[in-house]
Amino acid sequence: MHSLEVFRHYDRSHWKLSEIDLDGIDRSLVRPEYVTLVKSAVMGESNVIAAVHGFMNEFIDDYDFSAFAVIWGYQEVQHHYAFTSWLQAVGETVDSRAVAAMRAPYEPGSSRSATLATNIISELTVNHVYRSVAAWVREPVLADLLRRASRDEAAHAREFRYFAGERLRAHPEELASVLETLYFYTSDEKIKHPVSVFKSGLDALDGHETIDTGFQLFLDQMAETGELGELQAKIRKAFGGLTGLDLSSNGKVRRALAGAIS
């Protein structure tokens, strides 16, 4: 099973929360926008329980992917608690009611391939944002944590892509749903993330940082660097590799989708 190889890699090389030097945080370098970003990251990562629940429901007959989802879920919980621990170390808290509001499971996608495609986009997006923010922040412990989380998200994207490829080979009729997912998440001049799409508007989030707060702050800070275009190009390239199609622009995605539907 592929999940066994994932587990072996995790068991051999994954980092531990105890390795984060929380006592070494340089408080003189902690800026308010860092706190906002980390609170936003906590809210995004807290969706792991809902996602694992959804995966278990949707992939009830797929042990290999389900086993991977459990491994993935542990790592995402680690991100959630690592970012929370950094906040606690600098005297900040996250409202537990806001976190708890994220618990409800996600609904199944239009196809299993679409669900996997959505998570490729999710992981690539957070990988890109964490990596870029790590180069921007000046507080070294937070920068270290962001780099670790970014590497994890890149690995997660690779594994979701593996399972999506296996699914598409067995169910090529689901290609259109994958292309629809790609177009939905990359056709606007803003960052779209599944947490934003499916969990916005909750009453418990009123007045609280959300994942969108962090994305907007990221775009504001990186406005001159073309980060959004770079991210969307990275996502399209990944989907091009997954499908064997040229998906390097929105127009080409639309044409490929039309071909898949016809």
Protein backbone atom coordinates (compact mmCIF):
# COMPACT_ATOMS: atom_id res chain seq x y z
CA MET A 1 0.00 0.00 0.00
CA HIS A 2 1.19 3.51 -0.78
CA SER A 3 0.18 4.72 2.66
CA LEU A 4 2.74 2.36 4.19
CA GLU A 5 5.52 4.18 2.33
CA VAL A 6 4.11 7.50 3.50
CA PHE A 7 4.05 6.21 7.07
CA ARG A 8 7.63 4.95 6.86
CA HIS A 9 8.79 8.34 5.62
CA TYR A 10 6.87 10.09 8.39
CA ASP A 11 8.20 7.72 11.04
CA ARG A 12 11.77 8.24 9.84
CA SER A 13 11.98 11.94 9.20
CA HIS A 14 9.10 14.03 10.50
CA TRP A 15 9.81 16.79 13.01
CA LYS A 16 8.41 17.04 16.53
CA LEU A 17 6.77 19.91 18.36
CA SER A 18 9.42 19.60 21.07
CA GLU A 19 12.02 20.68 18.50
CA ILE A 20 10.48 24.16 18.24
CA ASP A 21 12.46 26.51 20.49
CA LEU A 22 9.52 28.35 22.02
CA ASP A 23 11.72 29.60 24.88
CA GLY A 24 13.97 31.20 22.29
CA ILE A 25 11.32 33.46 20.75
CA ASP A 26 12.64 36.98 20.30
CA ARG A 27 9.69 39.02 21.55
CA SER A 28 11.30 42.25 20.33
CA LEU A 29 10.78 40.97 16.78
CA VAL A 30 7.15 39.93 17.18
CA ARG A 31 4.93 42.29 15.21
CA PRO A 32 1.12 42.52 15.37
CA GLU A 33 0.77 41.28 11.80
CA TYR A 34 2.68 38.12 12.73
CA VAL A 35 0.13 37.40 15.42
CA THR A 36 -2.69 37.96 12.92
CA LEU A 37 -1.10 35.59 10.44
CA VAL A 38 -0.56 32.87 13.02
CA LYS A 39 -4.10 33.15 14.35
CA SER A 40 -5.32 32.81 10.78
CA ALA A 41 -3.11 29.75 10.31
CA VAL A 42 -4.56 28.17 13.45
CA MET A 43 -8.07 28.65 12.09
CA GLY A 44 -7.12 27.10 8.76
CA GLU A 45 -5.32 24.14 10.29
CA SER A 46 -8.14 23.49 12.75
CA ASN A 47 -10.25 22.21 9.85
CA VAL A 48 -8.27 18.99 9.85
CA ILE A 49 -10.82 17.15 11.98
CA ALA A 50 -13.65 18.08 9.63
CA ALA A 51 -11.57 17.04 6.64
CA VAL A 52 -10.55 13.66 8.06
CA HIS A 53 -14.18 13.01 8.99
CA GLY A 54 -15.21 13.84 5.44
CA PHE A 55 -12.52 11.62 3.95
CA MET A 56 -13.58 8.68 6.12
CA ASN A 57 -17.16 9.07 4.93
CA GLU A 58 -16.42 9.61 1.25
CA PHE A 59 -13.65 7.00 0.87
CA ILE A 60 -15.26 4.37 3.07
CA ASP A 61 -14.16 1.54 0.79
CA ASP A 62 -10.58 2.77 0.19
CA TYR A 63 -8.31 1.63 3.02
CA ASP A 64 -5.09 2.90 1.45
CA PHE A 65 -6.26 6.48 1.07
CA SER A 66 -8.03 6.40 4.43
CA ALA A 67 -4.80 5.32 6.13
CA PHE A 68 -2.99 8.20 4.43
CA ALA A 69 -5.73 10.59 5.58
CA VAL A 70 -5.09 9.58 9.20
CA ILE A 71 -1.34 10.19 8.81
CA TRP A 72 -2.03 13.51 7.08
CA GLY A 73 -4.49 14.43 9.81
CA TYR A 74 -1.92 13.92 12.56
CA GLN A 75 0.52 16.22 10.81
CA GLU A 76 -2.11 18.90 10.34
CA VAL A 77 -3.11 18.69 13.99
CA GLN A 78 0.58 19.16 14.75
CA HIS A 79 0.57 22.37 12.70
CA HIS A 80 -2.54 23.56 14.53
CA TYR A 81 -0.98 22.98 17.93
CA ALA A 82 2.47 24.23 16.95
CA PHE A 83 1.06 27.58 15.81
CA THR A 84 -1.13 27.68 18.92
CA SER A 85 1.93 27.05 21.08
CA TRP A 86 3.79 29.94 19.43
CA LEU A 87 0.85 32.22 20.18
CA GLN A 88 0.72 31.10 23.80
CA ALA A 89 4.45 31.71 24.13
CA VAL A 90 4.00 35.35 23.08
CA GLY A 91 0.97 35.86 25.35
CA GLU A 92 -1.78 35.47 22.76
CA THR A 93 -4.77 33.13 22.65
CA VAL A 94 -7.25 31.79 20.12
CA ASP A 95 -10.95 31.63 20.92
CA SER A 96 -11.73 27.94 21.38
CA ARG A 97 -15.32 28.57 20.29
CA ALA A 98 -14.11 29.69 16.87
CA VAL A 99 -11.97 26.56 16.55
CA ALA A 100 -14.85 24.33 17.64
CA ALA A 101 -17.11 25.90 15.01
CA MET A 102 -14.89 24.36 12.32
CA ARG A 103 -15.70 20.81 13.43
CA ALA A 104 -18.58 19.94 11.07
CA PRO A 105 -17.41 17.54 8.33
CA TYR A 106 -17.15 18.59 4.71
CA GLU A 107 -19.73 17.38 2.23
CA PRO A 108 -18.47 14.96 -0.45
CA GLY A 109 -17.21 16.54 -3.63
CA SER A 110 -18.91 16.19 -7.00
CA SER A 111 -16.61 13.18 -7.48
CA ARG A 112 -13.85 11.58 -5.47
CA SER A 113 -11.34 12.94 -7.97
CA ALA A 114 -12.72 16.43 -7.36
CA THR A 115 -12.30 16.00 -3.61
CA LEU A 116 -8.68 14.96 -4.08
CA ALA A 117 -8.10 17.82 -6.54
CA THR A 118 -9.49 20.30 -4.04
CA ASN A 119 -6.98 19.11 -1.48
CA ILE A 120 -4.08 19.39 -3.93
CA ILE A 121 -5.00 23.04 -4.30
CA SER A 122 -5.38 23.47 -0.54
CA GLU A 123 -1.94 22.03 0.18
CA LEU A 124 -0.15 23.90 -2.62
CA THR A 125 -1.74 27.17 -1.52
CA VAL A 126 -0.70 26.88 2.10
CA ASN A 127 2.74 25.56 1.12
CA HIS A 128 3.31 28.66 -0.99
CA VAL A 129 1.98 31.10 1.59
CA TYR A 130 3.92 29.58 4.50
CA ARG A 131 7.15 29.51 2.49
CA SER A 132 6.81 33.11 1.36
CA VAL A 133 5.82 34.37 4.81
CA ALA A 134 8.76 32.49 6.37
CA ALA A 135 11.11 34.57 4.22
CA TRP A 136 9.34 37.76 5.26
CA VAL A 137 9.02 37.42 9.05
CA ARG A 138 11.97 38.40 11.23
CA GLU A 139 11.13 36.42 14.35
CA PRO A 140 13.32 33.31 13.90
CA VAL A 141 11.25 30.74 15.78
CA LEU A 142 8.15 31.59 13.78
CA ALA A 143 10.14 31.54 10.54
CA ASP A 144 11.44 28.08 11.43
CA LEU A 145 7.95 26.82 12.20
CA LEU A 146 6.58 28.21 8.94
CA ARG A 147 9.34 26.53 6.94
CA ARG A 148 8.63 23.18 8.60
CA ALA A 149 4.91 23.47 7.97
CA SER A 150 5.53 24.56 4.38
CA ARG A 151 7.63 21.47 3.67
CA ASP A 152 4.90 19.27 5.15
CA GLU A 153 2.27 20.88 2.94
CA ALA A 154 4.39 20.29 -0.16
CA ALA A 155 4.64 16.61 0.76
CA HIS A 156 0.89 16.46 1.38
CA ALA A 157 0.20 17.96 -2.05
CA ARG A 158 2.41 15.29 -3.62
CA GLU A 159 0.48 12.49 -1.91
CA PHE A 160 -2.95 13.90 -2.75
CA ARG A 161 -1.73 14.15 -6.34
CA TYR A 162 -0.68 10.49 -6.24
CA PHE A 163 -4.11 9.36 -5.06
CA ALA A 164 -5.83 11.68 -7.55
CA GLY A 165 -3.78 10.15 -10.36
CA GLU A 166 -4.73 6.64 -9.27
CA ARG A 167 -8.38 7.63 -9.06
CA LEU A 168 -8.39 9.25 -12.51
CA ARG A 169 -6.75 6.23 -14.09
CA ALA A 170 -9.53 4.05 -12.71
CA HIS A 171 -12.29 6.62 -13.34
CA PRO A 172 -11.38 8.81 -16.35
CA GLU A 173 -14.98 9.98 -16.50
CA GLU A 174 -14.20 12.16 -13.46
CA LEU A 175 -11.74 14.35 -15.40
CA ALA A 176 -14.31 17.10 -15.98
CA SER A 177 -14.89 17.44 -12.24
CA VAL A 178 -11.14 17.89 -11.70
CA LEU A 179 -10.95 20.61 -14.35
CA GLU A 180 -14.03 22.32 -12.89
CA THR A 181 -12.31 22.35 -9.51
CA LEU A 182 -9.14 23.83 -10.97
CA TYR A 183 -11.01 26.57 -12.78
CA PHE A 184 -13.11 27.46 -9.74
CA TYR A 185 -10.07 27.96 -7.52
CA THR A 186 -7.75 29.73 -9.97
CA SER A 187 -9.97 31.90 -12.17
CA ASP A 188 -10.16 34.93 -9.82
CA GLU A 189 -7.60 37.51 -8.81
CA LYS A 190 -7.64 36.33 -5.21
CA ILE A 191 -6.64 33.34 -3.17
CA LYS A 192 -9.41 30.77 -2.85
CA HIS A 193 -9.06 27.99 -0.32
CA PRO A 194 -11.53 25.24 0.61
CA VAL A 195 -11.77 26.52 4.18
CA SER A 196 -12.77 29.93 2.82
CA VAL A 197 -15.31 28.43 0.46
CA PHE A 198 -16.99 25.99 2.82
CA LYS A 199 -16.58 27.50 6.29
CA SER A 200 -17.09 31.24 5.81
CA GLY A 201 -20.01 33.01 7.40
CA LEU A 202 -20.09 31.02 10.64
CA ASP A 203 -21.47 33.08 13.53
CA ALA A 204 -18.64 31.94 15.82
CA LEU A 205 -16.12 33.57 13.47
CA ASP A 206 -17.67 37.03 13.69
CA GLY A 207 -14.91 39.41 14.74
CA HIS A 208 -12.28 36.66 14.77
CA GLU A 209 -9.34 36.13 12.43
CA THR A 210 -10.03 33.58 9.70
CA ILE A 211 -7.87 31.99 7.06
CA ASP A 212 -9.00 34.75 4.70
CA THR A 213 -7.60 37.36 7.10
CA GLY A 214 -4.19 35.78 6.72
CA PHE A 215 -4.44 35.46 2.95
CA GLN A 216 -5.40 39.12 2.58
CA LEU A 217 -2.55 40.25 4.83
CA PHE A 218 -0.20 38.03 2.82
CA LEU A 219 -1.33 39.59 -0.46
CA ASP A 220 -1.09 43.10 0.98
CA GLN A 221 2.50 42.49 2.13
CA MET A 222 3.51 40.74 -1.10
CA ALA A 223 1.53 42.92 -3.50
CA GLU A 224 4.56 43.90 -5.58
CA THR A 225 6.04 40.43 -5.96
CA GLY A 226 3.49 38.66 -8.16
CA GLU A 227 2.85 36.00 -5.54
CA LEU A 228 -0.72 35.28 -6.63
CA GLY A 229 0.27 34.70 -10.24
CA GLU A 230 3.14 32.47 -9.15
CA LEU A 231 0.82 30.43 -6.93
CA GLN A 232 -1.82 29.98 -9.60
CA ALA A 233 0.81 28.98 -12.16
CA LYS A 234 2.15 26.39 -9.73
CA ILE A 235 -1.33 24.94 -9.24
CA ARG A 236 -2.04 24.79 -12.98
CA LYS A 237 1.32 23.10 -13.59
CA ALA A 238 0.52 20.45 -10.98
CA PHE A 239 -2.83 19.77 -12.62
CA GLY A 240 -1.20 19.67 -16.02
CA GLY A 241 1.09 16.93 -14.75
CA LEU A 242 -1.85 15.12 -13.19
CA THR A 243 -4.02 15.17 -16.33
CA GLY A 244 -1.46 15.28 -19.15
CA LEU A 245 -3.13 18.45 -20.47
CA ASP A 246 -1.85 21.95 -21.13
CA LEU A 247 -3.56 23.92 -18.36
CA SER A 248 -1.16 26.86 -18.23
CA SER A 249 -3.85 29.55 -18.52
CA ASN A 250 -7.50 30.01 -17.64
CA GLY A 251 -8.38 29.91 -21.33
CA LYS A 252 -6.67 26.55 -21.75
CA VAL A 253 -8.42 25.22 -18.66
CA ARG A 254 -11.78 26.28 -20.12
CA ARG A 255 -11.00 24.60 -23.44
CA ALA A 256 -9.89 21.41 -21.73
CA LEU A 257 -13.05 21.43 -19.63
CA ALA A 258 -15.22 21.88 -22.71
CA GLY A 259 -13.45 18.94 -24.32
CA ALA A 260 -13.93 16.76 -21.25
CA ILE A 261 -17.63 17.55 -21.08
CA SER A 262 -18.36 17.04 -24.78
